[in-house]
Amino acid sequence: MAYRFSSKEVTEVLDMLLFQNLDIRAVTLSVSIAQAASHDIRVTSSRIEEILKKHVSKFSSVVDEVSEKYGVKIVTKRLSLTPISFLLEPLCYEKNIEESKKNALEIAKLIDRVAEENKIDFVGGYAAFVHKDETHGDVALIESIPEVLSSTNTINSVVNVASTETGINMNAVKKMARKIKETSKLTKNGIGCTRLVVTANAPEDNPFMPGSYHGVGESEASINVAMSGPGVIENAIRNLRDDVDFRTLHDTVKRAAFKVARLGELIGKKVAESLGVSFGAVDISLAPSPKVGDSIAGILEAMGLESTGAHGTILALAILTDAVKKGGAMAVSHVGGLSGAFIPVSEDALMMEAFRRGSMSLEELHALSAVCNTGVDMLLIPGDTSAETIAGIIADEMALAITLDKSLGVRVIPVPGKKAGDEVEFGGLLGKSVVAEVKRFSNEKLINKKGTVPPFVERLKKG
């Protein structure tokens, strides 16, 4: 028997939609294009276009219909694809790197064109997995990243460089630091870097940007939903008395997250049903936006902090993340993505304010990684930051990830011509932020060592 919403629940959700910034951050159509692989770029391109048009032609209109029918704003429509490095492998065999890069760029531009024609905001799957070593396809994809991100509008790229099982591929870390620098120089204010993330412990499947790709073990096509809801959680906390105990605080967050996640699954299932594809998962992470009242930092401050970054911030974020996971997991049939709390600096107005006033810094972001599921995300840094320093930032986060055996990432944006304290505005969901300070002490002797950092002792616990 299907569960029915009570009249009280309906009223509560309506209040969330109308007054607390509740929306669906993204509905993502995940599609396998593995069958497009061939040794001929013309054949591969033709197959990709045929597969995409089969699945995406009705996607945007169906999402709009469901949004209108249920009165729920859906912020973005997204597409997640089989890792493109897999398709590049047969195309790159016995070819030089320039020819391989040309093939990679051709595929990326094709996918970008189809996405824009079908009103899709972002595409994930420009992905490579080099946590132990690299293939011809991986090399071609990574080398092409700066040109791809500077010549497309929808493509997002993710490169996994570390895992608990294999350690940290420092050669790949250094290479990605250079690609971040190159991408920054090719795009206005380094905005191309907002679509590039370096990760550790990438999950088997991740439908959610920017680290998105259609994983193994998945159906040919599925619908996945990324929920929002920081405003709902903050409102619930602010309705509590200041003297409530920690159990009440945790339970309040958990109950609110339950309602938000249930709405996400409802919308996802209706879209999947209309498209005739399977329903995949709900990412139960809270995700902020630049709007006032839609902030993760706002939640932490509602808990009792004068400013995010004050001593106790890790505790507050740990309570939030745990309660959201517990409430969300009870509400949905399948959890996907990273599922926790996202703290992208430029996309969260109050987080940006915390950086401006000095209560938050890069070091605090590293520390918060222990209890969130993002890592260092959407952090603006000076444009003259060296590739070695960027590699050090990535390596620090990768070390946390494999020590804690969790998924973490780094998305930093070196802004050409800007220094610490300057402000940069990207607009839209990307928001604006102050350029953070980075340490200027040299790390070159450490970072320039070659090879792979062996897996840590956490690997032994896995048997």
Protein backbone atom coordinates (compact mmCIF):
# COMPACT_ATOMS: atom_id res chain seq x y z
CA MET A 1 0.00 0.00 0.00
CA ALA A 2 1.42 3.40 -1.00
CA TYR A 3 2.17 5.88 1.77
CA ARG A 4 -0.17 8.87 1.87
CA PHE A 5 0.90 12.32 2.94
CA SER A 6 -1.11 13.70 5.86
CA SER A 7 -2.73 17.13 5.55
CA LYS A 8 -0.22 18.45 8.10
CA GLU A 9 2.71 17.20 6.00
CA VAL A 10 1.27 18.77 2.86
CA THR A 11 0.90 22.11 4.65
CA GLU A 12 4.47 21.91 5.96
CA VAL A 13 5.91 21.17 2.53
CA LEU A 14 3.90 23.98 0.93
CA ASP A 15 5.33 26.36 3.52
CA MET A 16 8.83 25.11 2.68
CA LEU A 17 8.26 25.65 -1.05
CA LEU A 18 6.74 29.10 -0.69
CA PHE A 19 8.79 30.67 2.09
CA GLN A 20 11.92 28.62 2.80
CA ASN A 21 13.64 28.33 -0.60
CA LEU A 22 12.90 24.61 -0.96
CA ASP A 23 13.53 23.40 -4.49
CA ILE A 24 15.07 20.51 -6.39
CA ARG A 25 18.62 21.53 -7.22
CA ALA A 26 18.94 19.13 -10.13
CA VAL A 27 17.23 16.35 -12.00
CA THR A 28 19.90 14.30 -13.76
CA LEU A 29 19.39 11.90 -16.65
CA SER A 30 22.17 9.31 -16.52
CA VAL A 31 22.87 7.51 -19.81
CA SER A 32 25.28 4.75 -20.81
CA ILE A 33 27.14 5.54 -24.04
CA ALA A 34 29.60 2.68 -23.67
CA GLN A 35 28.20 1.00 -26.77
CA ALA A 36 29.41 3.95 -28.86
CA ALA A 37 33.06 2.90 -28.49
CA SER A 38 34.94 2.10 -31.70
CA HIS A 39 38.33 2.62 -33.37
CA ASP A 40 36.89 5.23 -35.75
CA ILE A 41 36.08 8.73 -34.48
CA ARG A 42 33.35 9.15 -37.09
CA VAL A 43 31.62 5.97 -35.99
CA THR A 44 31.99 6.84 -32.30
CA SER A 45 30.61 10.34 -32.80
CA SER A 46 27.66 9.09 -34.83
CA ARG A 47 26.79 6.49 -32.20
CA ILE A 48 27.04 9.00 -29.35
CA GLU A 49 24.70 11.42 -31.10
CA GLU A 50 22.21 8.66 -31.88
CA ILE A 51 22.16 7.40 -28.27
CA LEU A 52 21.84 10.89 -26.80
CA LYS A 53 19.01 11.97 -29.08
CA LYS A 54 17.12 8.80 -28.21
CA HIS A 55 17.17 9.65 -24.52
CA VAL A 56 17.36 13.45 -24.18
CA SER A 57 14.80 14.66 -26.73
CA LYS A 58 11.91 14.63 -24.23
CA PHE A 59 13.90 15.09 -21.03
CA SER A 60 13.65 18.86 -20.64
CA SER A 61 9.94 19.07 -21.44
CA VAL A 62 9.08 16.21 -19.07
CA VAL A 63 11.00 17.87 -16.22
CA ASP A 64 9.13 21.13 -16.87
CA GLU A 65 5.77 19.31 -16.88
CA VAL A 66 6.48 17.57 -13.57
CA SER A 67 7.74 20.82 -12.05
CA GLU A 68 4.56 22.65 -13.05
CA LYS A 69 2.23 19.83 -12.00
CA TYR A 70 3.63 19.60 -8.48
CA GLY A 71 4.54 23.26 -8.01
CA VAL A 72 8.17 22.45 -7.27
CA LYS A 73 10.95 24.55 -8.77
CA ILE A 74 13.64 22.45 -10.46
CA VAL A 75 16.73 24.60 -10.76
CA THR A 76 18.81 22.69 -13.34
CA LYS A 77 18.52 19.82 -15.80
CA ARG A 78 21.65 17.71 -16.11
CA LEU A 79 23.07 14.80 -18.08
CA SER A 80 25.54 12.22 -16.76
CA LEU A 81 27.44 9.96 -19.15
CA THR A 82 29.77 6.98 -19.24
CA PRO A 83 33.34 8.19 -18.53
CA ILE A 84 34.63 9.59 -21.81
CA SER A 85 38.13 8.21 -21.15
CA PHE A 86 36.66 4.73 -21.72
CA LEU A 87 35.49 5.76 -25.20
CA LEU A 88 38.79 7.44 -25.98
CA GLU A 89 40.86 4.33 -25.27
CA PRO A 90 40.22 2.53 -28.61
CA LEU A 91 40.54 5.87 -30.43
CA CYS A 92 43.93 6.63 -28.90
CA TYR A 93 45.69 3.35 -29.44
CA GLU A 94 48.93 3.87 -31.44
CA LYS A 95 48.08 7.55 -32.05
CA ASN A 96 50.13 10.57 -31.00
CA ILE A 97 48.88 12.80 -28.22
CA GLU A 98 47.84 15.69 -30.49
CA GLU A 99 45.63 13.44 -32.60
CA SER A 100 44.18 11.89 -29.44
CA LYS A 101 43.42 15.32 -27.98
CA LYS A 102 41.70 16.28 -31.21
CA ASN A 103 39.41 13.25 -30.94
CA ALA A 104 38.65 14.09 -27.29
CA LEU A 105 37.75 17.67 -28.16
CA GLU A 106 35.52 16.55 -31.04
CA ILE A 107 33.54 14.26 -28.73
CA ALA A 108 33.22 16.94 -26.05
CA LYS A 109 31.96 19.55 -28.52
CA LEU A 110 29.44 17.08 -29.96
CA ILE A 111 28.02 16.32 -26.52
CA ASP A 112 27.96 20.02 -25.61
CA ARG A 113 26.02 20.85 -28.79
CA VAL A 114 23.41 18.14 -28.20
CA ALA A 115 23.02 19.26 -24.59
CA GLU A 116 22.44 22.90 -25.51
CA GLU A 117 19.99 21.95 -28.26
CA ASN A 118 17.97 20.05 -25.67
CA LYS A 119 18.10 22.71 -22.92
CA ILE A 120 20.40 20.76 -20.61
CA ASP A 121 22.40 22.93 -18.23
CA PHE A 122 25.33 20.68 -17.32
CA VAL A 123 26.87 17.45 -18.59
CA GLY A 124 29.04 15.15 -16.49
CA GLY A 125 31.19 12.27 -17.61
CA TYR A 126 34.32 13.95 -18.95
CA ALA A 127 36.07 11.73 -16.46
CA ALA A 128 39.29 9.81 -15.93
CA PHE A 129 40.33 7.47 -13.12
CA VAL A 130 44.08 7.54 -12.57
CA HIS A 131 44.39 6.77 -8.86
CA LYS A 132 46.97 4.08 -9.64
CA ASP A 133 48.13 4.70 -13.22
CA GLU A 134 46.83 5.93 -16.56
CA THR A 135 45.73 4.57 -19.94
CA HIS A 136 46.01 6.18 -23.38
CA GLY A 137 42.41 7.36 -23.00
CA ASP A 138 43.11 8.92 -19.61
CA VAL A 139 46.12 10.81 -20.98
CA ALA A 140 44.15 12.16 -23.93
CA LEU A 141 41.27 13.29 -21.75
CA ILE A 142 43.43 14.99 -19.12
CA GLU A 143 45.59 16.77 -21.72
CA SER A 144 42.45 18.08 -23.45
CA ILE A 145 40.72 19.43 -20.33
CA PRO A 146 41.79 23.11 -20.60
CA GLU A 147 40.72 23.39 -24.24
CA VAL A 148 37.48 21.45 -23.64
CA LEU A 149 36.41 23.58 -20.67
CA SER A 150 37.29 26.80 -22.47
CA SER A 151 35.39 25.89 -25.66
CA THR A 152 32.22 24.30 -24.24
CA ASN A 153 29.45 25.61 -21.98
CA THR A 154 28.02 22.50 -20.33
CA ILE A 155 30.85 19.97 -19.97
CA ASN A 156 32.07 19.14 -16.45
CA SER A 157 35.24 17.18 -15.80
CA VAL A 158 36.39 14.97 -12.92
CA VAL A 159 39.71 13.20 -12.45
CA ASN A 160 40.13 10.71 -9.60
CA VAL A 161 43.77 10.66 -8.42
CA ALA A 162 43.66 8.73 -5.13
CA SER A 163 41.93 5.88 -3.35
CA THR A 164 42.17 4.09 -0.03
CA GLU A 165 43.12 0.88 -1.87
CA THR A 166 45.86 2.32 -4.09
CA GLY A 167 47.22 5.45 -2.39
CA ILE A 168 47.81 8.84 -4.03
CA ASN A 169 49.09 9.10 -7.59
CA MET A 170 51.27 12.18 -7.11
CA ASN A 171 52.20 12.27 -10.79
CA ALA A 172 48.50 12.74 -11.55
CA VAL A 173 48.11 15.30 -8.74
CA LYS A 174 50.87 17.45 -10.23
CA LYS A 175 49.48 17.06 -13.73
CA MET A 176 46.02 18.17 -12.58
CA ALA A 177 47.49 21.19 -10.79
CA ARG A 178 49.00 22.27 -14.11
CA LYS A 179 45.70 21.67 -15.94
CA ILE A 180 43.89 23.82 -13.39
CA LYS A 181 46.36 26.63 -14.07
CA GLU A 182 46.00 26.23 -17.84
CA THR A 183 42.20 26.17 -17.66
CA SER A 184 42.19 29.30 -15.52
CA LYS A 185 44.25 31.23 -18.07
CA LEU A 186 41.95 30.22 -20.95
CA THR A 187 38.67 31.33 -19.34
CA LYS A 188 37.42 34.65 -17.93
CA ASN A 189 38.18 34.93 -14.22
CA GLY A 190 39.19 31.27 -14.36
CA ILE A 191 35.52 30.28 -14.57
CA GLY A 192 36.34 27.10 -16.48
CA CYS A 193 37.80 25.72 -13.24
CA THR A 194 34.32 25.78 -11.69
CA ARG A 195 33.57 22.76 -13.90
CA LEU A 196 36.68 20.81 -12.90
CA VAL A 197 37.17 18.73 -9.76
CA VAL A 198 39.99 16.45 -8.59
CA THR A 199 38.78 13.63 -6.35
CA ALA A 200 39.73 10.71 -4.15
CA ASN A 201 37.66 7.57 -3.57
CA ALA A 202 35.21 8.34 -6.35
CA PRO A 203 32.07 6.20 -5.86
CA GLU A 204 31.06 3.52 -8.36
CA ASP A 205 28.45 5.85 -9.81
CA ASN A 206 27.98 9.57 -9.23
CA PRO A 207 25.15 11.40 -11.01
CA PHE A 208 25.91 14.77 -9.40
CA MET A 209 28.07 17.63 -10.71
CA PRO A 210 30.82 18.44 -11.16
CA GLY A 211 32.17 14.97 -10.33
CA SER A 212 29.49 13.24 -12.35
CA TYR A 213 29.66 10.09 -14.50
CA HIS A 214 27.43 7.11 -15.29
CA GLY A 215 28.98 4.18 -13.46
CA VAL A 216 29.30 0.46 -14.01
CA GLY A 217 26.45 -1.71 -12.80
CA GLU A 218 23.86 0.89 -13.79
CA SER A 219 20.94 0.57 -16.20
CA GLU A 220 21.07 2.00 -19.72
CA ALA A 221 19.34 5.15 -18.51
CA SER A 222 18.04 6.39 -15.17
CA ILE A 223 16.82 9.51 -13.38
CA ASN A 224 18.57 10.86 -10.29
CA VAL A 225 17.69 13.80 -8.08
CA ALA A 226 19.83 16.23 -6.08
CA MET A 227 17.87 17.89 -3.30
CA SER A 228 18.34 21.34 -1.83
CA GLY A 229 16.81 22.65 1.37
CA PRO A 230 19.28 24.62 3.55
CA GLY A 231 16.57 27.23 4.14
CA VAL A 232 14.20 24.58 5.46
CA ILE A 233 16.77 23.27 7.94
CA GLU A 234 17.78 26.76 9.07
CA ASN A 235 14.16 27.76 9.62
CA ALA A 236 13.49 24.63 11.69
CA ILE A 237 16.50 25.38 13.91
CA ARG A 238 15.64 29.05 14.36
CA ASN A 239 12.18 28.03 15.60
CA LEU A 240 13.84 26.22 18.52
CA ARG A 241 14.67 27.85 21.82
CA ASP A 242 18.34 28.72 22.36
CA ASP A 243 18.50 26.41 25.37
CA VAL A 244 17.40 23.18 23.61
CA ASP A 245 19.64 20.18 24.15
CA PHE A 246 21.75 18.50 21.46
CA ARG A 247 19.37 15.56 21.00
CA THR A 248 16.49 17.93 20.22
CA LEU A 249 18.68 19.89 17.81
CA HIS A 250 19.76 16.71 16.01
CA ASP A 251 16.21 15.35 15.88
CA THR A 252 14.85 18.62 14.47
CA VAL A 253 17.36 18.55 11.60
CA LYS A 254 16.68 14.86 10.96
CA ARG A 255 12.91 15.35 10.72
CA ALA A 256 13.22 18.33 8.38
CA ALA A 257 15.69 16.43 6.15
CA PHE A 258 13.24 13.54 5.96
CA LYS A 259 10.57 15.78 4.45
CA VAL A 260 12.98 17.40 1.98
CA ALA A 261 14.30 14.02 0.78
CA ARG A 262 10.83 12.55 0.34
CA LEU A 263 9.90 15.40 -1.96
CA GLY A 264 13.05 14.78 -3.99
CA GLU A 265 12.25 11.11 -4.49
CA LEU A 266 8.64 11.89 -5.43
CA ILE A 267 9.74 14.27 -8.20
CA GLY A 268 12.44 11.90 -9.45
CA LYS A 269 10.08 8.95 -9.70
CA LYS A 270 7.51 10.99 -11.62
CA VAL A 271 10.10 12.15 -14.15
CA ALA A 272 11.44 8.61 -14.55
CA GLU A 273 7.93 7.23 -15.01
CA SER A 274 7.12 9.79 -17.71
CA LEU A 275 10.36 9.03 -19.59
CA GLY A 276 10.00 5.26 -19.25
CA VAL A 277 13.40 4.82 -17.57
CA SER A 278 14.40 3.52 -14.15
CA PHE A 279 14.63 5.71 -11.06
CA GLY A 280 18.16 5.80 -9.70
CA ALA A 281 18.89 7.65 -6.46
CA VAL A 282 18.53 10.79 -4.41
CA ASP A 283 21.63 12.66 -3.27
CA ILE A 284 20.52 13.67 0.21
CA SER A 285 23.20 16.34 0.52
CA LEU A 286 22.16 19.84 1.43
CA ALA A 287 23.40 22.22 -1.26
CA PRO A 288 23.42 26.00 -0.82
CA SER A 289 22.85 28.72 -3.37
CA PRO A 290 23.83 32.41 -3.41
CA LYS A 291 20.27 33.35 -2.40
CA VAL A 292 19.73 34.87 1.05
CA GLY A 293 18.30 32.21 3.38
CA ASP A 294 19.73 29.29 1.41
CA SER A 295 23.05 28.80 3.17
CA ILE A 296 24.88 25.97 4.93
CA ALA A 297 26.82 28.59 6.89
CA GLY A 298 23.45 30.06 7.89
CA ILE A 299 22.47 26.72 9.43
CA LEU A 300 25.70 26.52 11.41
CA GLU A 301 25.20 30.05 12.69
CA ALA A 302 21.58 29.30 13.58
CA MET A 303 22.93 26.52 15.78
CA GLY A 304 24.73 29.14 17.89
CA LEU A 305 27.91 30.29 16.16
CA GLU A 306 28.59 34.00 15.76
CA SER A 307 30.34 33.22 12.49
CA THR A 308 31.09 30.04 10.60
CA GLY A 309 34.69 29.18 11.41
CA ALA A 310 34.36 29.95 15.12
CA HIS A 311 35.57 27.17 17.42
CA GLY A 312 32.80 24.58 17.41
CA THR A 313 32.18 24.78 13.65
CA ILE A 314 33.36 21.20 13.08
CA LEU A 315 30.98 19.99 15.79
CA ALA A 316 28.07 21.90 14.28
CA LEU A 317 28.74 20.59 10.76
CA ALA A 318 29.15 17.04 12.08
CA ILE A 319 25.75 17.22 13.79
CA LEU A 320 24.17 18.64 10.64
CA THR A 321 25.70 16.06 8.30
CA ASP A 322 24.84 13.11 10.52
CA ALA A 323 21.25 14.23 11.05
CA VAL A 324 20.70 14.91 7.34
CA LYS A 325 22.07 11.47 6.41
CA LYS A 326 19.87 9.71 8.96
CA GLY A 327 16.72 11.61 8.04
CA GLY A 328 17.34 11.37 4.30
CA ALA A 329 18.19 7.68 4.37
CA MET A 330 14.88 6.94 6.11
CA ALA A 331 12.99 8.89 3.47
CA VAL A 332 14.32 7.46 0.20
CA SER A 333 14.68 4.00 -1.28
CA HIS A 334 18.18 4.52 -2.65
CA VAL A 335 20.83 7.07 -1.68
CA GLY A 336 23.35 8.17 -4.31
CA GLY A 337 26.14 10.61 -4.98
CA LEU A 338 28.12 11.77 -1.97
CA SER A 339 25.17 12.45 0.37
CA GLY A 340 26.22 14.73 3.20
CA ALA A 341 26.69 18.50 3.25
CA PHE A 342 28.17 20.60 0.48
CA ILE A 343 30.14 23.71 1.42
CA PRO A 344 31.09 25.39 -1.89
CA VAL A 345 32.45 28.75 -0.83
CA SER A 346 31.32 31.01 -3.68
CA GLU A 347 27.86 29.40 -3.86
CA ASP A 348 27.07 30.16 -0.21
CA ALA A 349 26.64 33.86 0.59
CA LEU A 350 27.29 33.51 4.33
CA MET A 351 30.27 31.20 3.81
CA MET A 352 31.76 33.88 1.59
CA GLU A 353 31.12 36.44 4.34
CA ALA A 354 32.97 34.20 6.79
CA PHE A 355 35.99 34.25 4.47
CA ARG A 356 35.75 38.01 4.14
CA ARG A 357 35.71 38.58 7.90
CA GLY A 358 38.52 36.08 8.45
CA SER A 359 36.73 33.43 10.51
CA MET A 360 37.13 30.93 7.65
CA SER A 361 40.24 30.00 5.67
CA LEU A 362 41.62 27.21 3.50
CA GLU A 363 42.83 25.44 6.65
CA GLU A 364 39.29 25.43 8.13
CA LEU A 365 37.96 23.94 4.88
CA HIS A 366 40.48 21.11 5.16
CA ALA A 367 39.39 20.51 8.75
CA LEU A 368 35.68 20.53 7.87
CA SER A 369 36.38 17.86 5.24
CA ALA A 370 36.57 15.35 8.08
CA VAL A 371 32.82 15.65 8.66
CA CYS A 372 31.35 16.83 5.34
CA ASN A 373 31.32 15.16 1.94
CA THR A 374 32.73 17.84 -0.30
CA GLY A 375 36.28 18.80 0.51
CA VAL A 376 37.75 22.10 -0.67
CA ASP A 377 35.03 23.33 -3.00
CA MET A 378 34.63 26.48 -5.11
CA LEU A 379 37.55 28.20 -3.40
CA LEU A 380 38.99 31.21 -5.21
CA ILE A 381 42.76 31.62 -4.88
CA PRO A 382 45.24 34.19 -6.26
CA GLY A 383 45.95 33.83 -9.96
CA ASP A 384 49.71 33.71 -9.41
CA THR A 385 49.47 30.67 -7.10
CA SER A 386 52.09 28.17 -8.26
CA ALA A 387 51.22 24.76 -9.66
CA GLU A 388 53.20 23.23 -6.77
CA THR A 389 51.06 25.05 -4.21
CA ILE A 390 47.88 23.90 -5.95
CA ALA A 391 49.26 20.36 -6.03
CA GLY A 392 49.91 20.66 -2.28
CA ILE A 393 46.30 21.72 -1.64
CA ILE A 394 45.06 18.74 -3.66
CA ALA A 395 47.48 16.34 -1.98
CA ASP A 396 46.47 17.46 1.51
CA GLU A 397 42.82 16.74 0.71
CA MET A 398 43.65 13.40 -0.89
CA ALA A 399 45.58 12.41 2.25
CA LEU A 400 42.51 13.20 4.37
CA ALA A 401 40.32 11.16 2.03
CA ILE A 402 42.37 7.99 2.15
CA THR A 403 43.04 8.30 5.89
CA LEU A 404 39.31 8.67 6.58
CA ASP A 405 38.31 6.28 3.73
CA LYS A 406 35.78 8.70 2.25
CA SER A 407 35.08 10.56 -0.98
CA LEU A 408 36.53 14.07 -1.09
CA GLY A 409 37.45 16.53 -3.81
CA VAL A 410 39.18 19.78 -4.63
CA ARG A 411 37.70 22.49 -6.83
CA VAL A 412 39.89 25.58 -6.71
CA ILE A 413 39.79 28.55 -9.07
CA PRO A 414 43.01 30.53 -9.55
CA VAL A 415 41.69 33.91 -10.71
CA PRO A 416 44.09 35.62 -13.13
CA GLY A 417 45.19 39.05 -11.96
CA LYS A 418 43.52 38.76 -8.55
CA LYS A 419 45.13 38.66 -5.12
CA ALA A 420 43.95 37.62 -1.67
CA GLY A 421 41.08 39.82 -0.50
CA ASP A 422 39.82 40.75 -3.98
CA GLU A 423 36.20 39.87 -4.81
CA VAL A 424 35.08 38.09 -7.96
CA GLU A 425 31.52 37.53 -9.16
CA PHE A 426 30.62 34.61 -11.44
CA GLY A 427 26.84 35.08 -11.34
CA GLY A 428 24.00 32.58 -11.29
CA LEU A 429 24.41 29.51 -9.11
CA LEU A 430 28.16 30.04 -8.96
CA GLY A 431 27.74 33.22 -6.93
CA LYS A 432 30.62 35.44 -5.88
CA SER A 433 33.45 35.19 -3.38
CA VAL A 434 36.55 36.75 -1.94
CA VAL A 435 39.91 35.41 -3.07
CA ALA A 436 41.38 33.36 -0.22
CA GLU A 437 44.95 33.55 0.99
CA VAL A 438 47.31 30.64 0.37
CA LYS A 439 50.61 29.96 2.11
CA ARG A 440 53.63 31.14 0.14
CA PHE A 441 56.23 28.86 1.74
CA SER A 442 57.84 26.47 -0.73
CA ASN A 443 56.74 22.82 -0.88
CA GLU A 444 58.58 22.01 -4.11
CA LYS A 445 61.05 19.46 -2.72
CA LEU A 446 58.17 17.36 -1.39
CA ILE A 447 55.68 17.82 -4.21
CA ASN A 448 58.20 17.18 -6.98
CA LYS A 449 59.04 13.70 -5.75
CA LYS A 450 57.78 11.17 -8.31
CA GLY A 451 55.49 8.19 -8.11
CA THR A 452 52.63 7.06 -5.89
CA VAL A 453 52.17 7.52 -2.16
CA PRO A 454 51.50 3.95 -0.93
CA PRO A 455 48.06 3.19 0.54
CA PHE A 456 47.80 3.99 4.25
CA VAL A 457 47.07 1.50 7.01
CA GLU A 458 43.33 1.99 6.47
CA ARG A 459 43.75 -0.31 3.47
CA LEU A 460 44.70 -3.20 5.76
CA LYS A 461 41.38 -2.95 7.56
CA LYS A 462 39.60 -3.90 4.34
CA GLY A 463 41.20 -7.36 4.31
